[in-house]
Amino acid sequence: MELSIYHTFWNNIKPLERTMNTIGKHLASYKHGIRGIGLAFHYETIMRFHLAATAGVILVNFLLQISRTEWLITLMLIGLVWMAEVFNTAIEKLADRVTQDQDLLIAHVKDMASGAVSILCLFAVLCALIIYLPYLF
C-alpha cells in the first residue's frame, strides 16, 4: 500500500519538474535575447538612431492621436525594423567570424543583409507618410 502512495506521489511530481524545467529554459531564452539586443547596441551605432526614431514615432503617434489600427501598424513596423537590424548585425558578425580576409561572397552577403534592412526602412517610411500625411493636411 505504501509503495503505491510513493509511486503516485513521484508520478505526480515528475510532470511538475518537467514544467518547471521548461519554464526555466523559456526564461533563460529571454535572458539570452535581451543580451543579444544589448550586443546589437554595442556593435551597431545605427541602433541608437533606431532608438531615437522609435521615440520620435511614438511621440508623433501621441501628438497626432492616430487610430488604434495605425498605432498597431507603426508598432509592428518598429518591431520589424529592429528585428531586421539585429538579424543584419548577427549576419555581419557571423560573416566576420568565417573570414577576416577580403572575400567577395562575404561582402555580397553583408550587402544583401544590409539591403534587406534598407528595404524594410524604406517601406516603413512610406507607411508612416501614408498614416501621418492625412493628419497634417
Foldseek 3Di string as FASTA:
>chain_A
DVVVVVVVVVVVVVVVVVVVVVVVVVVVVVVVVVVLLVVLVVVDVVVVVLVVVVVVVVVLCVVLVFDPVLVVVLVVLSVVLSVLSSVLVVLLVVLVVVDVDDDPVSVVSSVVSVVVSVVSVVVSVVSVCVRCVVSVD
